[in-house]
Amino acid sequence: MTRLTVPTTSDPTIETLTFDAALAELQRAVAELEAGGQPLEEAIGLYERGVALQARCETLLGDAELRVQQLVARAGGALETRDVRPEDATEDPPGE
C-alpha cells in the first residue's frame, strides 16, 4: 500500500481536488489508519487530512446537488443548468 504524505500544515491543494480524487485519497487514508502501525503523530496527521478531505467531498456534493436542483426544462425539452452559488462564494474567504 502506498503511504500518504502527511502535510505539516494545512494543505491548500485539497481545495483543488476533484470529488473522485478527494474520495480516493480519503479512502486510502482510512485504509491506512485501519491497518495501524504508524506512529501517533502520523496517525493524527492522517486523521486531520481525512477530515479535510471529507469536508471537500461534502462541499463538492453540495455543489452538485444544487446544480441538479436547478435543471430546468426549456422549450423543446432541452435541459440547462443555472449556477445558484452566490457570487461571493467563488472568492477565497478572508485570511486565506
C-alpha atoms as a PDB file:
ATOM      1  CA  MET A   1       0.000   0.000   0.000  1.00  0.00           C
ATOM      2  CA  THR A   2       1.282   3.456  -0.882  1.00  0.00           C
ATOM      3  CA  ARG A   3       1.575   5.607   2.221  1.00  0.00           C
ATOM      4  CA  LEU A   4       0.028   9.048   2.089  1.00  0.00           C
ATOM      5  CA  THR A   5       2.149  12.104   2.625  1.00  0.00           C
ATOM      6  CA  VAL A   6       1.009  13.851   5.762  1.00  0.00           C
ATOM      7  CA  PRO A   7       1.385  17.625   5.498  1.00  0.00           C
ATOM      8  CA  THR A   8       2.721  19.508   8.491  1.00  0.00           C
ATOM      9  CA  THR A   9       0.449  22.474   7.781  1.00  0.00           C
ATOM     10  CA  SER A  10      -2.915  22.979   6.139  1.00  0.00           C
ATOM     11  CA  ASP A  11      -2.669  21.731   2.563  1.00  0.00           C
ATOM     12  CA  PRO A  12      -4.257  24.160   0.087  1.00  0.00           C
ATOM     13  CA  THR A  13      -4.177  21.513  -2.643  1.00  0.00           C
ATOM     14  CA  ILE A  14      -7.178  19.798  -1.049  1.00  0.00           C
ATOM     15  CA  GLU A  15      -9.279  22.705  -2.293  1.00  0.00           C
ATOM     16  CA  THR A  16      -8.276  21.908  -5.881  1.00  0.00           C
ATOM     17  CA  LEU A  17      -9.100  18.191  -5.781  1.00  0.00           C
ATOM     18  CA  THR A  18     -11.979  16.810  -7.779  1.00  0.00           C
ATOM     19  CA  PHE A  19     -14.590  14.790  -5.916  1.00  0.00           C
ATOM     20  CA  ASP A  20     -13.200  11.499  -7.222  1.00  0.00           C
ATOM     21  CA  ALA A  21      -9.621  12.399  -6.288  1.00  0.00           C
ATOM     22  CA  ALA A  22     -10.612  13.580  -2.802  1.00  0.00           C
ATOM     23  CA  LEU A  23     -12.718  10.476  -2.196  1.00  0.00           C
ATOM     24  CA  ALA A  24      -9.941   8.153  -3.377  1.00  0.00           C
ATOM     25  CA  GLU A  25      -7.411   9.855  -1.108  1.00  0.00           C
ATOM     26  CA  LEU A  26      -9.866   9.736   1.798  1.00  0.00           C
ATOM     27  CA  GLN A  27     -10.364   6.005   1.236  1.00  0.00           C
ATOM     28  CA  ARG A  28      -6.581   5.457   1.230  1.00  0.00           C
ATOM     29  CA  ALA A  29      -6.234   7.426   4.467  1.00  0.00           C
ATOM     30  CA  VAL A  30      -8.976   5.387   6.140  1.00  0.00           C
ATOM     31  CA  ALA A  31      -7.404   2.119   4.982  1.00  0.00           C
ATOM     32  CA  GLU A  32      -4.006   3.205   6.263  1.00  0.00           C
ATOM     33  CA  LEU A  33      -5.437   4.225   9.635  1.00  0.00           C
ATOM     34  CA  GLU A  34      -7.361   0.956   9.903  1.00  0.00           C
ATOM     35  CA  ALA A  35      -4.194  -1.013   9.126  1.00  0.00           C
ATOM     36  CA  GLY A  36      -2.435   0.751  12.003  1.00  0.00           C
ATOM     37  CA  GLY A  37       1.277   0.597  12.663  1.00  0.00           C
ATOM     38  CA  GLN A  38       2.059   4.270  12.182  1.00  0.00           C
ATOM     39  CA  PRO A  39       3.373   6.486  14.985  1.00  0.00           C
ATOM     40  CA  LEU A  40       0.789   8.517  16.890  1.00  0.00           C
ATOM     41  CA  GLU A  41       1.725  11.856  15.285  1.00  0.00           C
ATOM     42  CA  GLU A  42       1.464  10.364  11.796  1.00  0.00           C
ATOM     43  CA  ALA A  43      -1.918   8.824  12.641  1.00  0.00           C
ATOM     44  CA  ILE A  44      -3.170  12.181  13.909  1.00  0.00           C
ATOM     45  CA  GLY A  45      -1.924  13.868  10.720  1.00  0.00           C
ATOM     46  CA  LEU A  46      -3.709  11.283   8.585  1.00  0.00           C
ATOM     47  CA  TYR A  47      -6.880  11.784  10.587  1.00  0.00           C
ATOM     48  CA  GLU A  48      -6.672  15.578  10.191  1.00  0.00           C
ATOM     49  CA  ARG A  49      -6.165  15.255   6.452  1.00  0.00           C
ATOM     50  CA  GLY A  50      -9.060  12.815   6.294  1.00  0.00           C
ATOM     51  CA  VAL A  51     -11.337  15.349   7.981  1.00  0.00           C
ATOM     52  CA  ALA A  52     -10.295  17.995   5.434  1.00  0.00           C
ATOM     53  CA  LEU A  53     -10.854  15.564   2.557  1.00  0.00           C
ATOM     54  CA  GLN A  54     -14.277  14.633   3.911  1.00  0.00           C
ATOM     55  CA  ALA A  55     -15.205  18.319   4.098  1.00  0.00           C
ATOM     56  CA  ARG A  56     -14.064  18.791   0.480  1.00  0.00           C
ATOM     57  CA  CYS A  57     -16.228  15.871  -0.629  1.00  0.00           C
ATOM     58  CA  GLU A  58     -19.245  17.301   1.205  1.00  0.00           C
ATOM     59  CA  THR A  59     -18.714  20.707  -0.413  1.00  0.00           C
ATOM     60  CA  LEU A  60     -18.485  19.214  -3.889  1.00  0.00           C
ATOM     61  CA  LEU A  61     -21.546  17.029  -3.308  1.00  0.00           C
ATOM     62  CA  GLY A  62     -23.483  20.073  -2.117  1.00  0.00           C
ATOM     63  CA  ASP A  63     -22.483  21.982  -5.248  1.00  0.00           C
ATOM     64  CA  ALA A  64     -23.552  19.047  -7.424  1.00  0.00           C
ATOM     65  CA  GLU A  65     -26.883  18.800  -5.618  1.00  0.00           C
ATOM     66  CA  LEU A  66     -27.568  22.489  -6.260  1.00  0.00           C
ATOM     67  CA  ARG A  67     -26.770  22.085  -9.946  1.00  0.00           C
ATOM     68  CA  VAL A  68     -29.102  19.114 -10.264  1.00  0.00           C
ATOM     69  CA  GLN A  69     -31.878  21.004  -8.479  1.00  0.00           C
ATOM     70  CA  GLN A  70     -31.505  23.863 -10.946  1.00  0.00           C
ATOM     71  CA  LEU A  71     -32.023  21.767 -14.069  1.00  0.00           C
ATOM     72  CA  VAL A  72     -34.773  23.473 -15.951  1.00  0.00           C
ATOM     73  CA  ALA A  73     -36.694  22.060 -18.871  1.00  0.00           C
ATOM     74  CA  ARG A  74     -36.629  24.568 -21.703  1.00  0.00           C
ATOM     75  CA  ALA A  75     -38.893  24.695 -24.710  1.00  0.00           C
ATOM     76  CA  GLY A  76     -38.303  21.641 -26.855  1.00  0.00           C
ATOM     77  CA  GLY A  77     -37.238  19.522 -23.896  1.00  0.00           C
ATOM     78  CA  ALA A  78     -33.629  20.719 -23.760  1.00  0.00           C
ATOM     79  CA  LEU A  79     -32.098  20.991 -20.308  1.00  0.00           C
ATOM     80  CA  GLU A  80     -29.881  23.733 -18.959  1.00  0.00           C
ATOM     81  CA  THR A  81     -28.231  24.359 -15.620  1.00  0.00           C
ATOM     82  CA  ARG A  82     -28.081  27.592 -13.700  1.00  0.00           C
ATOM     83  CA  ASP A  83     -25.298  28.390 -11.251  1.00  0.00           C
ATOM     84  CA  VAL A  84     -27.054  29.188  -7.982  1.00  0.00           C
ATOM     85  CA  ARG A  85     -23.988  29.871  -5.878  1.00  0.00           C
ATOM     86  CA  PRO A  86     -23.732  33.416  -4.577  1.00  0.00           C
ATOM     87  CA  GLU A  87     -21.170  35.484  -6.468  1.00  0.00           C
ATOM     88  CA  ASP A  88     -19.001  35.806  -3.373  1.00  0.00           C
ATOM     89  CA  ALA A  89     -18.897  32.007  -2.948  1.00  0.00           C
ATOM     90  CA  THR A  90     -16.199  31.791  -5.602  1.00  0.00           C
ATOM     91  CA  GLU A  91     -13.924  34.164  -3.712  1.00  0.00           C
ATOM     92  CA  ASP A  92     -11.472  32.975  -1.088  1.00  0.00           C
ATOM     93  CA  PRO A  93     -12.610  33.529   2.489  1.00  0.00           C
ATOM     94  CA  PRO A  94     -10.758  36.291   4.377  1.00  0.00           C
ATOM     95  CA  GLY A  95      -7.392  35.222   5.726  1.00  0.00           C
ATOM     96  CA  GLU A  96      -6.668  32.585   3.103  1.00  0.00           C
END
